[in-house]
Amino acid sequence: MEENKNNGQQINIELTPEIAEGIYANLAIISHSGAEFVMDFIRLLPGIPQAKVKSRIIMTPQHAKRLLMALADNVEKYEQNFGPIRVDEVGPNMAPFPFSGPAGMA
């Protein structure tokens, strides 16, 4: 259980073991309306033509902006400790990274 301070109030946050394991995603698709942002987290696998949405997060525009600022702050801290994160340019119809190597056989 984690504790967080919010305007002088203590908030208890429960983290169950199954949620603590996390879900791996290597692609995010973000859309929005006037009232909310929808973020779909997807796992792409080599040789599998259909990717699956592993998690969907829906939040208000205000919370999306707070997430953006928190993520920017954490990326900056990461890069101060470990160096710049390299981001390759990708086009609109390209996967975010190339899968390469021989086709696997099971």
PDB file of N, CA and C in Angstrom:
ATOM      1  N   MET A   1       0.841  -1.162   0.000  1.00  0.00           N
ATOM      2  CA  MET A   1       0.000   0.000   0.000  1.00  0.00           C
ATOM      3  C   MET A   1       0.894   1.235   0.000  1.00  0.00           C
ATOM      4  N   GLU A   2       0.549   2.219  -0.839  1.00  0.00           N
ATOM      5  CA  GLU A   2       1.309   3.458  -0.913  1.00  0.00           C
ATOM      6  C   GLU A   2       0.492   4.589  -0.319  1.00  0.00           C
ATOM      7  N   GLU A   3       1.187   5.602   0.180  1.00  0.00           N
ATOM      8  CA  GLU A   3       0.511   6.770   0.704  1.00  0.00           C
ATOM      9  C   GLU A   3       0.906   7.976  -0.120  1.00  0.00           C
ATOM     10  N   ASN A   4      -0.044   8.880  -0.343  1.00  0.00           N
ATOM     11  CA  ASN A   4       0.185  10.080  -1.128  1.00  0.00           C
ATOM     12  C   ASN A   4      -0.444  11.255  -0.402  1.00  0.00           C
ATOM     13  N   LYS A   5       0.213  12.397  -0.401  1.00  0.00           N
ATOM     14  CA  LYS A   5      -0.332  13.602   0.218  1.00  0.00           C
ATOM     15  C   LYS A   5      -1.050  14.421  -0.842  1.00  0.00           C
ATOM     16  N   ASN A   6      -2.262  14.869  -0.538  1.00  0.00           N
ATOM     17  CA  ASN A   6      -3.052  15.659  -1.468  1.00  0.00           C
ATOM     18  C   ASN A   6      -3.738  16.765  -0.681  1.00  0.00           C
ATOM     19  N   ASN A   7      -3.202  17.995  -0.788  1.00  0.00           N
ATOM     20  CA  ASN A   7      -3.753  19.143  -0.064  1.00  0.00           C
ATOM     21  C   ASN A   7      -3.855  18.871   1.435  1.00  0.00           C
ATOM     22  N   GLY A   8      -2.836  18.256   1.998  1.00  0.00           N
ATOM     23  CA  GLY A   8      -2.825  17.990   3.428  1.00  0.00           C
ATOM     24  C   GLY A   8      -3.587  16.752   3.827  1.00  0.00           C
ATOM     25  N   GLN A   9      -4.277  16.121   2.897  1.00  0.00           N
ATOM     26  CA  GLN A   9      -5.012  14.901   3.198  1.00  0.00           C
ATOM     27  C   GLN A   9      -4.174  13.696   2.799  1.00  0.00           C
ATOM     28  N   GLN A  10      -4.285  12.643   3.576  1.00  0.00           N
ATOM     29  CA  GLN A  10      -3.571  11.406   3.265  1.00  0.00           C
ATOM     30  C   GLN A  10      -4.494  10.507   2.450  1.00  0.00           C
ATOM     31  N   ILE A  11      -3.965   9.977   1.357  1.00  0.00           N
ATOM     32  CA  ILE A  11      -4.724   9.054   0.516  1.00  0.00           C
ATOM     33  C   ILE A  11      -4.019   7.711   0.550  1.00  0.00           C
ATOM     34  N   ASN A  12      -4.744   6.669   0.902  1.00  0.00           N
ATOM     35  CA  ASN A  12      -4.196   5.322   0.874  1.00  0.00           C
ATOM     36  C   ASN A  12      -4.500   4.709  -0.480  1.00  0.00           C
ATOM     37  N   ILE A  13      -3.464   4.215  -1.138  1.00  0.00           N
ATOM     38  CA  ILE A  13      -3.601   3.632  -2.468  1.00  0.00           C
ATOM     39  C   ILE A  13      -3.251   2.157  -2.383  1.00  0.00           C
ATOM     40  N   GLU A  14      -4.189   1.306  -2.766  1.00  0.00           N
ATOM     41  CA  GLU A  14      -3.951  -0.133  -2.734  1.00  0.00           C
ATOM     42  C   GLU A  14      -3.406  -0.591  -4.084  1.00  0.00           C
ATOM     43  N   LEU A  15      -2.348  -1.376  -4.060  1.00  0.00           N
ATOM     44  CA  LEU A  15      -1.755  -1.958  -5.254  1.00  0.00           C
ATOM     45  C   LEU A  15      -1.796  -3.472  -5.096  1.00  0.00           C
ATOM     46  N   THR A  16      -2.729  -4.106  -5.817  1.00  0.00           N
ATOM     47  CA  THR A  16      -2.868  -5.556  -5.703  1.00  0.00           C
ATOM     48  C   THR A  16      -1.702  -6.244  -6.420  1.00  0.00           C
ATOM     49  N   PRO A  17      -1.380  -7.462  -6.034  1.00  0.00           N
ATOM     50  CA  PRO A  17      -0.270  -8.171  -6.674  1.00  0.00           C
ATOM     51  C   PRO A  17      -0.446  -8.318  -8.186  1.00  0.00           C
ATOM     52  N   GLU A  18      -1.675  -8.573  -8.663  1.00  0.00           N
ATOM     53  CA  GLU A  18      -1.863  -8.749 -10.106  1.00  0.00           C
ATOM     54  C   GLU A  18      -1.650  -7.442 -10.863  1.00  0.00           C
ATOM     55  N   ILE A  19      -2.026  -6.318 -10.299  1.00  0.00           N
ATOM     56  CA  ILE A  19      -1.788  -5.025 -10.935  1.00  0.00           C
ATOM     57  C   ILE A  19      -0.313  -4.648 -10.811  1.00  0.00           C
ATOM     58  N   ALA A  20       0.321  -4.999  -9.708  1.00  0.00           N
ATOM     59  CA  ALA A  20       1.737  -4.687  -9.496  1.00  0.00           C
ATOM     60  C   ALA A  20       2.632  -5.365 -10.532  1.00  0.00           C
ATOM     61  N   GLU A  21       2.191  -6.489 -11.103  1.00  0.00           N
ATOM     62  CA  GLU A  21       2.964  -7.169 -12.142  1.00  0.00           C
ATOM     63  C   GLU A  21       3.104  -6.305 -13.382  1.00  0.00           C
ATOM     64  N   GLY A  22       2.131  -5.460 -13.649  1.00  0.00           N
ATOM     65  CA  GLY A  22       2.172  -4.596 -14.819  1.00  0.00           C
ATOM     66  C   GLY A  22       1.794  -5.327 -16.092  1.00  0.00           C
ATOM     67  N   ILE A  23       1.614  -4.556 -17.146  1.00  0.00           N
ATOM     68  CA  ILE A  23       1.307  -5.084 -18.469  1.00  0.00           C
ATOM     69  C   ILE A  23       2.260  -4.431 -19.447  1.00  0.00           C
ATOM     70  N   TYR A  24       2.957  -5.214 -20.246  1.00  0.00           N
ATOM     71  CA  TYR A  24       3.889  -4.667 -21.224  1.00  0.00           C
ATOM     72  C   TYR A  24       3.136  -4.175 -22.441  1.00  0.00           C
ATOM     73  N   ALA A  25       3.427  -2.952 -22.870  1.00  0.00           N
ATOM     74  CA  ALA A  25       2.874  -2.389 -24.094  1.00  0.00           C
ATOM     75  C   ALA A  25       4.002  -1.659 -24.809  1.00  0.00           C
ATOM     76  N   ASN A  26       4.019  -1.751 -26.149  1.00  0.00           N
ATOM     77  CA  ASN A  26       5.047  -1.057 -26.916  1.00  0.00           C
ATOM     78  C   ASN A  26       4.451  -0.113 -27.950  1.00  0.00           C
ATOM     79  N   LEU A  27       3.169   0.199 -27.786  1.00  0.00           N
ATOM     80  CA  LEU A  27       2.493   1.172 -28.643  1.00  0.00           C
ATOM     81  C   LEU A  27       1.335   1.763 -27.858  1.00  0.00           C
ATOM     82  N   ALA A  28       1.146   3.067 -27.980  1.00  0.00           N
ATOM     83  CA  ALA A  28      -0.006   3.729 -27.369  1.00  0.00           C
ATOM     84  C   ALA A  28      -0.724   4.532 -28.440  1.00  0.00           C
ATOM     85  N   ILE A  29      -2.023   4.449 -28.439  1.00  0.00           N
ATOM     86  CA  ILE A  29      -2.845   5.259 -29.327  1.00  0.00           C
ATOM     87  C   ILE A  29      -3.710   6.137 -28.439  1.00  0.00           C
ATOM     88  N   ILE A  30      -3.662   7.438 -28.682  1.00  0.00           N
ATOM     89  CA  ILE A  30      -4.374   8.392 -27.845  1.00  0.00           C
ATOM     90  C   ILE A  30      -5.400   9.126 -28.690  1.00  0.00           C
ATOM     91  N   SER A  31      -6.627   9.185 -28.205  1.00  0.00           N
ATOM     92  CA  SER A  31      -7.680   9.963 -28.851  1.00  0.00           C
ATOM     93  C   SER A  31      -8.379  10.788 -27.784  1.00  0.00           C
ATOM     94  N   HIS A  32      -9.172  11.752 -28.213  1.00  0.00           N
ATOM     95  CA  HIS A  32      -9.838  12.610 -27.232  1.00  0.00           C
ATOM     96  C   HIS A  32     -11.145  13.167 -27.769  1.00  0.00           C
ATOM     97  N   SER A  33     -11.989  13.563 -26.841  1.00  0.00           N
ATOM     98  CA  SER A  33     -13.212  14.301 -27.135  1.00  0.00           C
ATOM     99  C   SER A  33     -13.115  15.593 -26.318  1.00  0.00           C
ATOM    100  N   GLY A  34     -14.167  16.354 -26.288  1.00  0.00           N
ATOM    101  CA  GLY A  34     -14.159  17.569 -25.484  1.00  0.00           C
ATOM    102  C   GLY A  34     -14.126  17.287 -23.992  1.00  0.00           C
ATOM    103  N   ALA A  35     -14.481  16.070 -23.595  1.00  0.00           N
ATOM    104  CA  ALA A  35     -14.609  15.752 -22.176  1.00  0.00           C
ATOM    105  C   ALA A  35     -13.563  14.785 -21.637  1.00  0.00           C
ATOM    106  N   GLU A  36     -12.890  14.022 -22.520  1.00  0.00           N
ATOM    107  CA  GLU A  36     -11.977  13.008 -21.995  1.00  0.00           C
ATOM    108  C   GLU A  36     -10.905  12.619 -23.006  1.00  0.00           C
ATOM    109  N   PHE A  37      -9.816  12.080 -22.475  1.00  0.00           N
ATOM    110  CA  PHE A  37      -8.748  11.480 -23.269  1.00  0.00           C
ATOM    111  C   PHE A  37      -8.847   9.976 -23.085  1.00  0.00           C
ATOM    112  N   VAL A  38      -8.658   9.249 -24.184  1.00  0.00           N
ATOM    113  CA  VAL A  38      -8.668   7.788 -24.147  1.00  0.00           C
ATOM    114  C   VAL A  38      -7.310   7.322 -24.627  1.00  0.00           C
ATOM    115  N   MET A  39      -6.630   6.550 -23.790  1.00  0.00           N
ATOM    116  CA  MET A  39      -5.311   6.023 -24.129  1.00  0.00           C
ATOM    117  C   MET A  39      -5.380   4.503 -24.170  1.00  0.00           C
ATOM    118  N   ASP A  40      -5.140   3.944 -25.363  1.00  0.00           N
ATOM    119  CA  ASP A  40      -5.091   2.497 -25.531  1.00  0.00           C
ATOM    120  C   ASP A  40      -3.630   2.076 -25.579  1.00  0.00           C
ATOM    121  N   PHE A  41      -3.272   1.123 -24.731  1.00  0.00           N
ATOM    122  CA  PHE A  41      -1.914   0.593 -24.678  1.00  0.00           C
ATOM    123  C   PHE A  41      -1.935  -0.785 -25.326  1.00  0.00           C
ATOM    124  N   ILE A  42      -1.059  -0.957 -26.318  1.00  0.00           N
ATOM    125  CA  ILE A  42      -1.102  -2.104 -27.213  1.00  0.00           C
ATOM    126  C   ILE A  42       0.230  -2.842 -27.195  1.00  0.00           C
ATOM    127  N   ARG A  43       0.181  -4.144 -27.386  1.00  0.00           N
ATOM    128  CA  ARG A  43       1.400  -4.950 -27.514  1.00  0.00           C
ATOM    129  C   ARG A  43       1.482  -5.483 -28.933  1.00  0.00           C
ATOM    130  N   LEU A  44       2.538  -5.048 -29.659  1.00  0.00           N
ATOM    131  CA  LEU A  44       2.823  -5.563 -30.999  1.00  0.00           C
ATOM    132  C   LEU A  44       3.844  -6.683 -30.868  1.00  0.00           C
ATOM    133  N   LEU A  45       3.623  -7.781 -31.574  1.00  0.00           N
ATOM    134  CA  LEU A  45       4.577  -8.891 -31.549  1.00  0.00           C
ATOM    135  C   LEU A  45       4.996  -9.228 -32.970  1.00  0.00           C
ATOM    136  N   PRO A  46       6.255  -9.600 -33.167  1.00  0.00           N
ATOM    137  CA  PRO A  46       6.724  -9.929 -34.519  1.00  0.00           C
ATOM    138  C   PRO A  46       6.002 -11.150 -35.074  1.00  0.00           C
ATOM    139  N   GLY A  47       5.666 -11.062 -36.358  1.00  0.00           N
ATOM    140  CA  GLY A  47       5.045 -12.189 -37.029  1.00  0.00           C
ATOM    141  C   GLY A  47       3.561 -12.367 -36.736  1.00  0.00           C
ATOM    142  N   ILE A  48       2.998 -11.505 -35.907  1.00  0.00           N
ATOM    143  CA  ILE A  48       1.570 -11.596 -35.595  1.00  0.00           C
ATOM    144  C   ILE A  48       0.899 -10.355 -36.160  1.00  0.00           C
ATOM    145  N   PRO A  49       0.045 -10.525 -37.178  1.00  0.00           N
ATOM    146  CA  PRO A  49      -0.508  -9.358 -37.867  1.00  0.00           C
ATOM    147  C   PRO A  49      -1.536  -8.569 -37.070  1.00  0.00           C
ATOM    148  N   GLN A  50      -2.081  -9.149 -36.013  1.00  0.00           N
ATOM    149  CA  GLN A  50      -3.098  -8.455 -35.236  1.00  0.00           C
ATOM    150  C   GLN A  50      -2.558  -8.152 -33.840  1.00  0.00           C
ATOM    151  N   ALA A  51      -2.542  -6.863 -33.499  1.00  0.00           N
ATOM    152  CA  ALA A  51      -2.093  -6.448 -32.170  1.00  0.00           C
ATOM    153  C   ALA A  51      -3.304  -6.342 -31.261  1.00  0.00           C
ATOM    154  N   LYS A  52      -3.081  -6.529 -29.966  1.00  0.00           N
ATOM    155  CA  LYS A  52      -4.177  -6.472 -29.005  1.00  0.00           C
ATOM    156  C   LYS A  52      -4.012  -5.286 -28.065  1.00  0.00           C
ATOM    157  N   VAL A  53      -5.140  -4.629 -27.795  1.00  0.00           N
ATOM    158  CA  VAL A  53      -5.151  -3.594 -26.761  1.00  0.00           C
ATOM    159  C   VAL A  53      -5.072  -4.326 -25.424  1.00  0.00           C
ATOM    160  N   LYS A  54      -4.057  -4.004 -24.641  1.00  0.00           N
ATOM    161  CA  LYS A  54      -3.856  -4.664 -23.354  1.00  0.00           C
ATOM    162  C   LYS A  54      -4.469  -3.883 -22.204  1.00  0.00           C
ATOM    163  N   SER A  55      -4.629  -2.555 -22.402  1.00  0.00           N
ATOM    164  CA  SER A  55      -5.202  -1.725 -21.345  1.00  0.00           C
ATOM    165  C   SER A  55      -5.744  -0.446 -21.965  1.00  0.00           C
ATOM    166  N   ARG A  56      -6.827   0.058 -21.426  1.00  0.00           N
ATOM    167  CA  ARG A  56      -7.405   1.334 -21.853  1.00  0.00           C
ATOM    168  C   ARG A  56      -7.573   2.200 -20.612  1.00  0.00           C
ATOM    169  N   ILE A  57      -7.029   3.420 -20.697  1.00  0.00           N
ATOM    170  CA  ILE A  57      -7.145   4.382 -19.609  1.00  0.00           C
ATOM    171  C   ILE A  57      -7.929   5.578 -20.134  1.00  0.00           C
ATOM    172  N   ILE A  58      -8.947   5.991 -19.392  1.00  0.00           N
ATOM    173  CA  ILE A  58      -9.764   7.142 -19.766  1.00  0.00           C
ATOM    174  C   ILE A  58      -9.640   8.176 -18.653  1.00  0.00           C
ATOM    175  N   MET A  59      -9.337   9.429 -19.038  1.00  0.00           N
ATOM    176  CA  MET A  59      -9.196  10.476 -18.030  1.00  0.00           C
ATOM    177  C   MET A  59      -9.652  11.824 -18.562  1.00  0.00           C
ATOM    178  N   THR A  60      -9.875  12.741 -17.631  1.00  0.00           N
ATOM    179  CA  THR A  60     -10.294  14.089 -17.999  1.00  0.00           C
ATOM    180  C   THR A  60      -9.119  14.827 -18.643  1.00  0.00           C
ATOM    181  N   PRO A  61      -9.392  15.888 -19.406  1.00  0.00           N
ATOM    182  CA  PRO A  61      -8.302  16.677 -19.981  1.00  0.00           C
ATOM    183  C   PRO A  61      -7.347  17.233 -18.912  1.00  0.00           C
ATOM    184  N   GLN A  62      -7.884  17.621 -17.758  1.00  0.00           N
ATOM    185  CA  GLN A  62      -7.031  18.144 -16.689  1.00  0.00           C
ATOM    186  C   GLN A  62      -6.074  17.071 -16.174  1.00  0.00           C
ATOM    187  N   HIS A  63      -6.567  15.851 -15.990  1.00  0.00           N
ATOM    188  CA  HIS A  63      -5.691  14.779 -15.534  1.00  0.00           C
ATOM    189  C   HIS A  63      -4.700  14.370 -16.626  1.00  0.00           C
ATOM    190  N   ALA A  64      -5.121  14.439 -17.891  1.00  0.00           N
ATOM    191  CA  ALA A  64      -4.198  14.141 -18.987  1.00  0.00           C
ATOM    192  C   ALA A  64      -3.044  15.141 -18.990  1.00  0.00           C
ATOM    193  N   LYS A  65      -3.348  16.409 -18.752  1.00  0.00           N
ATOM    194  CA  LYS A  65      -2.295  17.433 -18.712  1.00  0.00           C
ATOM    195  C   LYS A  65      -1.359  17.191 -17.524  1.00  0.00           C
ATOM    196  N   ARG A  66      -1.921  16.813 -16.382  1.00  0.00           N
ATOM    197  CA  ARG A  66      -1.077  16.489 -15.215  1.00  0.00           C
ATOM    198  C   ARG A  66      -0.185  15.286 -15.510  1.00  0.00           C
ATOM    199  N   LEU A  67      -0.731  14.288 -16.197  1.00  0.00           N
ATOM    200  CA  LEU A  67       0.064  13.118 -16.583  1.00  0.00           C
ATOM    201  C   LEU A  67       1.190  13.530 -17.518  1.00  0.00           C
ATOM    202  N   LEU A  68       0.885  14.394 -18.487  1.00  0.00           N
ATOM    203  CA  LEU A  68       1.900  14.895 -19.414  1.00  0.00           C
ATOM    204  C   LEU A  68       3.038  15.574 -18.655  1.00  0.00           C
ATOM    205  N   MET A  69       2.698  16.433 -17.707  1.00  0.00           N
ATOM    206  CA  MET A  69       3.735  17.149 -16.939  1.00  0.00           C
ATOM    207  C   MET A  69       4.540  16.188 -16.067  1.00  0.00           C
ATOM    208  N   ALA A  70       3.873  15.220 -15.445  1.00  0.00           N
ATOM    209  CA  ALA A  70       4.577  14.254 -14.607  1.00  0.00           C
ATOM    210  C   ALA A  70       5.487  13.364 -15.444  1.00  0.00           C
ATOM    211  N   LEU A  71       5.025  12.953 -16.625  1.00  0.00           N
ATOM    212  CA  LEU A  71       5.842  12.123 -17.497  1.00  0.00           C
ATOM    213  C   LEU A  71       7.048  12.901 -18.012  1.00  0.00           C
ATOM    214  N   ALA A  72       6.841  14.172 -18.401  1.00  0.00           N
ATOM    215  CA  ALA A  72       7.956  15.012 -18.861  1.00  0.00           C
ATOM    216  C   ALA A  72       8.997  15.176 -17.756  1.00  0.00           C
ATOM    217  N   ASP A  73       8.546  15.381 -16.524  1.00  0.00           N
ATOM    218  CA  ASP A  73       9.457  15.521 -15.389  1.00  0.00           C
ATOM    219  C   ASP A  73      10.257  14.237 -15.172  1.00  0.00           C
ATOM    220  N   ASN A  74       9.594  13.097 -15.266  1.00  0.00           N
ATOM    221  CA  ASN A  74      10.280  11.824 -15.062  1.00  0.00           C
ATOM    222  C   ASN A  74      11.233  11.487 -16.196  1.00  0.00           C
ATOM    223  N   VAL A  75      10.884  11.815 -17.442  1.00  0.00           N
ATOM    224  CA  VAL A  75      11.798  11.584 -18.565  1.00  0.00           C
ATOM    225  C   VAL A  75      13.045  12.447 -18.388  1.00  0.00           C
ATOM    226  N   GLU A  76      12.858  13.696 -17.973  1.00  0.00           N
ATOM    227  CA  GLU A  76      14.004  14.579 -17.740  1.00  0.00           C
ATOM    228  C   GLU A  76      14.922  14.008 -16.656  1.00  0.00           C
ATOM    229  N   LYS A  77      14.349  13.523 -15.563  1.00  0.00           N
ATOM    230  CA  LYS A  77      15.152  12.928 -14.481  1.00  0.00           C
ATOM    231  C   LYS A  77      15.858  11.660 -14.962  1.00  0.00           C
ATOM    232  N   TYR A  78      15.167  10.853 -15.748  1.00  0.00           N
ATOM    233  CA  TYR A  78      15.768   9.643 -16.297  1.00  0.00           C
ATOM    234  C   TYR A  78      16.990  10.004 -17.134  1.00  0.00           C
ATOM    235  N   GLU A  79      16.823  10.984 -18.047  1.00  0.00           N
ATOM    236  CA  GLU A  79      17.913  11.358 -18.941  1.00  0.00           C
ATOM    237  C   GLU A  79      19.078  11.988 -18.180  1.00  0.00           C
ATOM    238  N   GLN A  80      18.820  12.645 -17.082  1.00  0.00           N
ATOM    239  CA  GLN A  80      19.910  13.174 -16.263  1.00  0.00           C
ATOM    240  C   GLN A  80      20.736  12.044 -15.668  1.00  0.00           C
ATOM    241  N   ASN A  81      20.082  10.939 -15.324  1.00  0.00           N
ATOM    242  CA  ASN A  81      20.783   9.797 -14.726  1.00  0.00           C
ATOM    243  C   ASN A  81      21.404   8.858 -15.753  1.00  0.00           C
ATOM    244  N   PHE A  82      20.726   8.643 -16.875  1.00  0.00           N
ATOM    245  CA  PHE A  82      21.134   7.594 -17.802  1.00  0.00           C
ATOM    246  C   PHE A  82      21.485   8.080 -19.199  1.00  0.00           C
ATOM    247  N   GLY A  83      21.335   9.367 -19.463  1.00  0.00           N
ATOM    248  CA  GLY A  83      21.626   9.907 -20.783  1.00  0.00           C
ATOM    249  C   GLY A  83      20.377  10.004 -21.641  1.00  0.00           C
ATOM    250  N   PRO A  84      20.523  10.659 -22.794  1.00  0.00           N
ATOM    251  CA  PRO A  84      19.368  10.894 -23.662  1.00  0.00           C
ATOM    252  C   PRO A  84      18.710   9.609 -24.157  1.00  0.00           C
ATOM    253  N   ILE A  85      17.405   9.654 -24.259  1.00  0.00           N
ATOM    254  CA  ILE A  85      16.642   8.557 -24.837  1.00  0.00           C
ATOM    255  C   ILE A  85      16.557   8.820 -26.333  1.00  0.00           C
ATOM    256  N   ARG A  86      17.020   7.872 -27.130  1.00  0.00           N
ATOM    257  CA  ARG A  86      16.991   8.023 -28.581  1.00  0.00           C
ATOM    258  C   ARG A  86      15.621   7.613 -29.107  1.00  0.00           C
ATOM    259  N   VAL A  87      15.035   8.467 -29.927  1.00  0.00           N
ATOM    260  CA  VAL A  87      13.742   8.174 -30.535  1.00  0.00           C
ATOM    261  C   VAL A  87      13.921   8.242 -32.043  1.00  0.00           C
ATOM    262  N   ASP A  88      13.762   7.111 -32.706  1.00  0.00           N
ATOM    263  CA  ASP A  88      13.863   7.078 -34.158  1.00  0.00           C
ATOM    264  C   ASP A  88      12.596   7.656 -34.762  1.00  0.00           C
ATOM    265  N   GLU A  89      12.757   8.334 -35.878  1.00  0.00           N
ATOM    266  CA  GLU A  89      11.600   8.878 -36.586  1.00  0.00           C
ATOM    267  C   GLU A  89      10.838   7.736 -37.243  1.00  0.00           C
ATOM    268  N   VAL A  90       9.527   7.778 -37.143  1.00  0.00           N
ATOM    269  CA  VAL A  90       8.690   6.787 -37.811  1.00  0.00           C
ATOM    270  C   VAL A  90       7.583   7.507 -38.563  1.00  0.00           C
ATOM    271  N   GLY A  91       7.164   6.912 -39.644  1.00  0.00           N
ATOM    272  CA  GLY A  91       6.074   7.477 -40.428  1.00  0.00           C
ATOM    273  C   GLY A  91       4.734   7.010 -39.899  1.00  0.00           C
ATOM    274  N   PRO A  92       3.641   7.533 -40.442  1.00  0.00           N
ATOM    275  CA  PRO A  92       2.315   7.195 -39.932  1.00  0.00           C
ATOM    276  C   PRO A  92       1.917   5.740 -40.150  1.00  0.00           C
ATOM    277  N   ASN A  93       2.526   5.060 -41.121  1.00  0.00           N
ATOM    278  CA  ASN A  93       2.157   3.668 -41.390  1.00  0.00           C
ATOM    279  C   ASN A  93       3.233   2.685 -40.965  1.00  0.00           C
ATOM    280  N   MET A  94       4.127   3.137 -40.103  1.00  0.00           N
ATOM    281  CA  MET A  94       5.225   2.281 -39.671  1.00  0.00           C
ATOM    282  C   MET A  94       5.060   1.896 -38.214  1.00  0.00           C
ATOM    283  N   ALA A  95       5.545   0.703 -37.879  1.00  0.00           N
ATOM    284  CA  ALA A  95       5.582   0.301 -36.474  1.00  0.00           C
ATOM    285  C   ALA A  95       6.565   1.210 -35.755  1.00  0.00           C
ATOM    286  N   PRO A  96       6.431   1.382 -34.451  1.00  0.00           N
ATOM    287  CA  PRO A  96       7.321   2.268 -33.720  1.00  0.00           C
ATOM    288  C   PRO A  96       8.756   1.765 -33.656  1.00  0.00           C
ATOM    289  N   PHE A  97       9.010   0.543 -34.080  1.00  0.00           N
ATOM    290  CA  PHE A  97      10.357  -0.002 -34.122  1.00  0.00           C
ATOM    291  C   PHE A  97      10.342  -1.151 -35.113  1.00  0.00           C
ATOM    292  N   PRO A  98      11.474  -1.442 -35.722  1.00  0.00           N
ATOM    293  CA  PRO A  98      11.484  -2.554 -36.675  1.00  0.00           C
ATOM    294  C   PRO A  98      11.668  -3.883 -35.961  1.00  0.00           C
ATOM    295  N   PHE A  99      10.891  -4.864 -36.336  1.00  0.00           N
ATOM    296  CA  PHE A  99      11.145  -6.232 -35.898  1.00  0.00           C
ATOM    297  C   PHE A  99      12.046  -6.837 -36.946  1.00  0.00           C
ATOM    298  N   SER A 100      13.118  -7.466 -36.526  1.00  0.00           N
ATOM    299  CA  SER A 100      14.024  -8.049 -37.496  1.00  0.00           C
ATOM    300  C   SER A 100      14.484  -9.403 -37.015  1.00  0.00           C
ATOM    301  N   GLY A 101      15.225 -10.067 -37.880  1.00  0.00           N
ATOM    302  CA  GLY A 101      15.738 -11.387 -37.540  1.00  0.00           C
ATOM    303  C   GLY A 101      14.945 -12.455 -38.255  1.00  0.00           C
ATOM    304  N   PRO A 102      15.414 -13.674 -38.172  1.00  0.00           N
ATOM    305  CA  PRO A 102      14.725 -14.763 -38.846  1.00  0.00           C
ATOM    306  C   PRO A 102      13.392 -15.072 -38.189  1.00  0.00           C
ATOM    307  N   ALA A 103      12.486 -15.599 -38.990  1.00  0.00           N
ATOM    308  CA  ALA A 103      11.190 -15.986 -38.453  1.00  0.00           C
ATOM    309  C   ALA A 103      11.370 -17.144 -37.479  1.00  0.00           C
ATOM    310  N   GLY A 104      10.733 -17.063 -36.346  1.00  0.00           N
ATOM    311  CA  GLY A 104      10.857 -18.113 -35.343  1.00  0.00           C
ATOM    312  C   GLY A 104       9.989 -19.303 -35.689  1.00  0.00           C
ATOM    313  N   MET A 105      10.412 -20.442 -35.200  1.00  0.00           N
ATOM    314  CA  MET A 105       9.639 -21.662 -35.418  1.00  0.00           C
ATOM    315  C   MET A 105       9.432 -22.318 -34.078  1.00  0.00           C
ATOM    316  N   ALA A 106       8.211 -22.806 -33.876  1.00  0.00           N
ATOM    317  CA  ALA A 106       7.915 -23.466 -32.606  1.00  0.00           C
ATOM    318  C   ALA A 106       7.671 -24.929 -32.845  1.00  0.00           C
TER     319      ALA A 106
END
